[in-house]
């Protein structure tokens, strides 16, 4: 679970709680990225101890969180639930590719800087996570509504980018400098193990698993520029991996956006 970015955890477990699929304790475990607590044991926190949602305007100074609790974020989710919000979505933008966002400029710039954001679907509200020590502080920003991403299209783009990257790196003789990268790229079945709350479509879980796996492969391939012998070779390797990195972010965004999920069987609802 801790492999999931903070925004993915909030989107998945927050949506499940807003829709009444899970209770507050399970939501808290999911948001914090920790293994569900067993009776008589201490919770195993993997990624972040604290999540705090600043309930004020975005220009208010950040609140530094010192207590090991996610209650402020849960209170924010409770307010959303009371307002009729039933889903949260995550976005993973980058410079030149603000996927999942339609502005305003302040939100887009901060989300790109942090690499992620969460949107309350059907509203004009979004939050960007900031690391404060071991805490994750969620600062609110106005958000323009955006069209839903297409999970199927993102999945196909990811598979296509994977094949293109594998071919391009093979031409650059990836096996001679990173044999483990070559092996991982050619294993189309590989995927990081991902836990998900009730109500998350299996295809979304599978896409996230593949995306996280390939994100790790990209990072591995770019480590020390892959032992490149020249600046030109390093540039060619980066160019070969850039479309895959973009597809990974788009796949994560679509898989963590309930408005783009397939309808639930027998309900027609996403």
Protein backbone atom coordinates (compact mmCIF):
# COMPACT_ATOMS: atom_id res chain seq x y z
CA UNK A 1 0.00 0.00 0.00
CA UNK A 2 2.83 2.39 0.80
CA UNK A 3 3.94 2.23 -2.86
CA UNK A 4 0.94 4.37 -3.76
CA UNK A 5 1.51 8.12 -3.96
CA UNK A 6 -0.26 10.14 -1.26
CA UNK A 7 -2.84 11.53 -3.69
CA UNK A 8 -3.69 8.06 -4.97
CA UNK A 9 -4.32 6.84 -1.43
CA UNK A 10 -6.54 9.80 -0.60
CA UNK A 11 -8.47 9.44 -3.88
CA UNK A 12 -9.07 5.70 -3.52
CA UNK A 13 -9.77 5.41 0.20
CA UNK A 14 -11.47 8.79 0.40
CA UNK A 15 -13.84 7.82 -2.42
CA UNK A 16 -14.57 4.46 -0.79
CA UNK A 17 -15.45 6.20 2.48
CA UNK A 18 -17.53 8.92 0.80
CA UNK A 19 -19.54 6.17 -0.91
CA UNK A 20 -20.05 4.23 2.29
CA UNK A 21 -17.91 1.27 1.19
CA UNK A 22 -15.55 1.39 4.16
CA UNK A 23 -15.51 2.74 7.68
CA UNK A 24 -13.42 5.63 9.01
CA UNK A 25 -10.73 3.37 10.51
CA UNK A 26 -10.11 1.61 7.21
CA UNK A 27 -10.11 4.97 5.44
CA UNK A 28 -7.51 6.23 7.90
CA UNK A 29 -5.33 3.16 7.37
CA UNK A 30 -5.52 3.57 3.61
CA UNK A 31 -4.79 7.29 3.61
CA UNK A 32 -1.78 6.80 5.86
CA UNK A 33 -0.52 3.92 3.74
CA UNK A 34 -0.35 1.47 6.60
CA UNK A 35 -1.30 -2.14 7.08
CA UNK A 36 -4.69 -2.52 8.80
CA UNK A 37 -4.15 -2.76 12.54
CA UNK A 38 -4.70 -6.08 14.27
CA UNK A 39 -6.15 -6.31 17.74
CA UNK A 40 -3.50 -5.66 20.39
CA UNK A 41 -0.86 -4.51 17.93
CA UNK A 42 0.62 -1.15 17.00
CA UNK A 43 -0.18 0.25 13.56
CA UNK A 44 2.64 -0.08 11.04
CA UNK A 45 2.98 3.32 9.40
CA UNK A 46 4.92 3.16 6.15
CA UNK A 47 4.84 6.53 4.44
CA UNK A 48 3.33 9.42 6.34
CA UNK A 49 2.28 9.76 9.94
CA UNK A 50 0.11 12.81 9.58
CA UNK A 51 -2.27 14.29 7.06
CA UNK A 52 -3.62 17.77 7.67
CA UNK A 53 -6.08 19.64 5.50
CA UNK A 54 -5.75 23.38 5.87
CA UNK A 55 -9.34 24.59 5.84
CA UNK A 56 -8.39 28.16 4.93
CA UNK A 57 -7.52 29.94 1.73
CA UNK A 58 -4.44 28.87 -0.19
CA UNK A 59 -2.54 32.04 0.70
CA UNK A 60 -2.74 31.29 4.44
CA UNK A 61 0.57 30.20 5.97
CA UNK A 62 0.95 26.46 6.18
CA UNK A 63 -0.01 24.73 9.39
CA UNK A 64 2.84 22.59 10.70
CA UNK A 65 1.38 19.36 12.05
CA UNK A 66 2.98 17.82 15.10
CA UNK A 67 0.49 15.20 16.27
CA UNK A 68 0.39 11.69 14.83
CA UNK A 69 -3.19 11.91 13.61
CA UNK A 70 -5.05 12.24 10.34
CA UNK A 71 -8.18 13.66 11.95
CA UNK A 72 -7.99 17.08 10.19
CA UNK A 73 -8.08 15.36 6.80
CA UNK A 74 -10.95 13.10 7.90
CA UNK A 75 -12.85 16.16 9.09
CA UNK A 76 -12.35 17.68 5.65
CA UNK A 77 -13.67 14.50 4.04
CA UNK A 78 -16.64 14.63 6.39
CA UNK A 79 -17.43 18.16 5.23
CA UNK A 80 -17.28 17.00 1.62
CA UNK A 81 -19.59 14.11 2.37
CA UNK A 82 -22.05 16.47 4.01
CA UNK A 83 -21.98 18.61 0.86
CA UNK A 84 -22.89 15.59 -1.28
CA UNK A 85 -19.45 14.86 -2.75
CA UNK A 86 -19.09 11.16 -3.57
CA UNK A 87 -15.68 10.91 -5.22
CA UNK A 88 -12.12 12.23 -5.14
CA UNK A 89 -9.69 12.07 -8.05
CA UNK A 90 -5.91 12.25 -8.19
CA UNK A 91 -3.80 13.98 -10.83
CA UNK A 92 -0.10 13.52 -11.54
CA UNK A 93 0.96 16.41 -13.77
CA UNK A 94 4.40 17.45 -14.96
CA UNK A 95 5.87 20.39 -16.82
CA UNK A 96 4.31 20.51 -20.26
CA UNK A 97 1.73 17.86 -19.36
CA UNK A 98 -0.81 19.06 -16.75
CA UNK A 99 -2.75 15.80 -16.97
CA UNK A 100 -5.93 15.68 -14.92
CA UNK A 101 -6.05 19.44 -14.37
CA UNK A 102 -7.69 22.39 -16.12
CA UNK A 103 -6.35 25.19 -13.92
CA UNK A 104 -6.46 27.79 -12.58
CA UNK A 105 -2.78 28.58 -13.00
CA UNK A 106 -2.02 28.58 -9.26
CA UNK A 107 -3.30 25.03 -8.81
CA UNK A 108 -1.56 23.75 -11.93
CA UNK A 109 1.78 25.33 -10.98
CA UNK A 110 1.75 23.96 -7.43
CA UNK A 111 0.54 20.52 -8.49
CA UNK A 112 3.31 20.30 -11.09
CA UNK A 113 5.85 21.39 -8.50
CA UNK A 114 4.70 18.70 -6.05
CA UNK A 115 3.92 16.14 -8.76
CA UNK A 116 0.35 15.44 -7.64
CA UNK A 117 -2.97 16.81 -6.45
CA UNK A 118 -6.44 15.67 -5.35
CA UNK A 119 -9.70 17.06 -6.70
CA UNK A 120 -13.17 16.85 -5.14
CA UNK A 121 -15.21 15.82 -8.18
CA UNK A 122 -18.23 17.94 -8.93
CA UNK A 123 -16.83 20.91 -7.01
CA UNK A 124 -14.31 23.70 -7.56
CA UNK A 125 -12.01 22.42 -4.80
CA UNK A 126 -8.63 20.72 -4.94
CA UNK A 127 -5.72 20.07 -2.60
CA UNK A 128 -1.98 19.82 -3.17
CA UNK A 129 0.14 17.77 -0.73
CA UNK A 130 3.25 19.25 0.83
CA UNK A 131 5.76 17.32 2.90
CA UNK A 132 6.41 18.77 6.35
CA UNK A 133 8.88 16.35 7.89
CA UNK A 134 6.98 13.07 8.13
CA UNK A 135 3.68 14.86 7.72
CA UNK A 136 1.66 15.49 4.58
CA UNK A 137 -0.13 18.82 4.65
CA UNK A 138 -2.96 19.33 2.16
CA UNK A 139 -3.34 22.94 1.06
CA UNK A 140 -6.57 23.89 -0.76
CA UNK A 141 -6.77 25.63 -4.13
CA UNK A 142 -9.66 26.61 -6.39
CA UNK A 143 -10.01 24.13 -9.24
CA UNK A 144 -11.65 24.32 -12.64
CA UNK A 145 -13.69 21.27 -13.52
CA UNK A 146 -12.07 19.01 -16.08
CA UNK A 147 -13.34 16.25 -18.36
CA UNK A 148 -12.92 12.74 -16.96
CA UNK A 149 -9.90 10.74 -18.12
CA UNK A 150 -10.45 7.51 -20.01
CA UNK A 151 -9.09 4.51 -18.11
CA UNK A 152 -9.13 2.24 -21.14
CA UNK A 153 -7.30 4.78 -23.30
CA UNK A 154 -4.70 5.35 -20.57
CA UNK A 155 -4.15 1.60 -20.26
CA UNK A 156 -3.63 1.26 -24.00
CA UNK A 157 -1.27 4.24 -24.04
CA UNK A 158 0.77 2.68 -21.23
CA UNK A 159 1.08 -0.64 -23.06
CA UNK A 160 2.03 1.10 -26.30
CA UNK A 161 4.62 3.28 -24.58
CA UNK A 162 6.07 0.22 -22.89
CA UNK A 163 6.57 -1.59 -26.19
CA UNK A 164 8.03 1.51 -27.84
CA UNK A 165 10.43 2.07 -24.93
CA UNK A 166 11.50 -1.56 -24.95
CA UNK A 167 12.25 -1.41 -28.68
CA UNK A 168 14.11 1.90 -28.38
CA UNK A 169 16.23 0.70 -25.47
CA UNK A 170 16.95 -2.58 -27.21
CA UNK A 171 18.36 -0.57 -30.09
CA UNK A 172 20.56 1.20 -27.54
CA UNK A 173 21.69 -2.19 -26.19
CA UNK A 174 20.01 -1.84 -22.80
CA UNK A 175 20.89 -5.43 -21.91
CA UNK A 176 24.59 -4.62 -21.82
CA UNK A 177 24.31 -1.80 -19.27
CA UNK A 178 21.14 -2.65 -17.30
CA UNK A 179 20.13 -6.29 -17.88
CA UNK A 180 17.54 -6.04 -15.09
CA UNK A 181 15.86 -3.15 -16.91
CA UNK A 182 15.65 -5.19 -20.09
CA UNK A 183 14.09 -8.11 -18.19
CA UNK A 184 11.52 -5.93 -16.44
CA UNK A 185 10.53 -4.07 -19.60
CA UNK A 186 9.87 -7.29 -21.48
CA UNK A 187 7.73 -8.80 -18.72
CA UNK A 188 4.32 -7.45 -19.74
CA UNK A 189 2.65 -9.33 -16.88
CA UNK A 190 4.70 -7.62 -14.18
CA UNK A 191 3.06 -5.24 -11.79
CA UNK A 192 3.64 -3.91 -8.31
CA UNK A 193 1.37 -5.46 -5.67
CA UNK A 194 -1.33 -2.92 -4.84
CA UNK A 195 -3.97 -2.94 -2.11
CA UNK A 196 -7.24 -1.18 -2.89
CA UNK A 197 -10.44 -0.46 -0.98
CA UNK A 198 -13.83 -1.95 -1.76
CA UNK A 199 -15.44 -0.54 -4.88
CA UNK A 200 -12.21 0.07 -6.79
CA UNK A 201 -12.49 -1.57 -10.23
CA UNK A 202 -10.02 -4.38 -10.78
CA UNK A 203 -8.87 -2.80 -14.03
CA UNK A 204 -7.91 0.36 -12.14
CA UNK A 205 -5.96 -1.72 -9.62
CA UNK A 206 -4.19 -3.59 -12.42
CA UNK A 207 -3.32 -0.37 -14.25
CA UNK A 208 -1.88 1.19 -11.10
CA UNK A 209 0.19 -1.94 -10.45
CA UNK A 210 1.67 -1.81 -13.95
CA UNK A 211 2.23 1.93 -13.76
CA UNK A 212 4.06 1.74 -10.43
CA UNK A 213 6.18 -1.13 -11.71
CA UNK A 214 7.13 0.80 -14.84
CA UNK A 215 7.79 3.98 -12.90
CA UNK A 216 10.35 2.04 -10.88
CA UNK A 217 11.84 0.66 -14.10
CA UNK A 218 12.19 4.16 -15.54
CA UNK A 219 13.93 5.35 -12.37
CA UNK A 220 16.24 2.35 -12.50
CA UNK A 221 17.08 2.95 -16.15
CA UNK A 222 17.91 6.60 -15.51
CA UNK A 223 20.07 5.89 -12.48
CA UNK A 224 23.46 7.43 -13.23
CA UNK A 225 22.16 7.87 -16.77
CA UNK A 226 22.35 4.13 -17.16
CA UNK A 227 26.14 4.17 -17.12
CA UNK A 228 26.09 6.14 -20.35
CA UNK A 229 29.40 6.51 -22.12
CA UNK A 230 28.54 9.89 -23.58
CA UNK A 231 26.20 12.83 -23.13
CA UNK A 232 24.58 11.96 -26.44
CA UNK A 233 23.87 8.40 -25.39
CA UNK A 234 22.38 9.58 -22.10
CA UNK A 235 20.13 11.97 -24.02
CA UNK A 236 18.96 9.19 -26.33
CA UNK A 237 18.12 6.96 -23.36
CA UNK A 238 16.17 9.73 -21.69
CA UNK A 239 14.31 10.43 -24.91
CA UNK A 240 13.41 6.75 -25.17
CA UNK A 241 11.97 6.77 -21.64
CA UNK A 242 10.14 10.11 -21.63
CA UNK A 243 7.00 8.80 -23.42
CA UNK A 244 6.83 5.90 -20.96
CA UNK A 245 7.16 8.23 -17.97
CA UNK A 246 4.35 10.38 -19.41
CA UNK A 247 2.16 7.32 -19.96
CA UNK A 248 2.80 6.20 -16.37
CA UNK A 249 1.55 9.51 -14.98
CA UNK A 250 -1.49 9.46 -17.25
CA UNK A 251 -2.28 5.87 -16.26
CA UNK A 252 -2.05 6.72 -12.56
CA UNK A 253 -4.30 9.74 -13.09
CA UNK A 254 -6.97 7.75 -14.94
CA UNK A 255 -6.88 4.82 -12.52
CA UNK A 256 -7.29 7.19 -9.57
CA UNK A 257 -10.17 9.16 -11.14
CA UNK A 258 -13.54 7.55 -10.37
CA UNK A 259 -15.30 9.69 -12.97
CA UNK A 260 -13.35 7.76 -15.62
CA UNK A 261 -13.96 4.29 -14.20
CA UNK A 262 -16.25 1.82 -15.98
CA UNK A 263 -19.83 1.75 -14.65
CA UNK A 264 -20.47 -0.61 -11.76
CA UNK A 265 -22.24 -3.80 -12.91
CA UNK A 266 -26.01 -3.48 -12.70
CA UNK A 267 -25.98 0.18 -11.62
CA UNK A 268 -24.69 2.24 -14.53
CA UNK A 269 -22.85 4.36 -11.94
CA UNK A 270 -19.13 5.03 -11.96
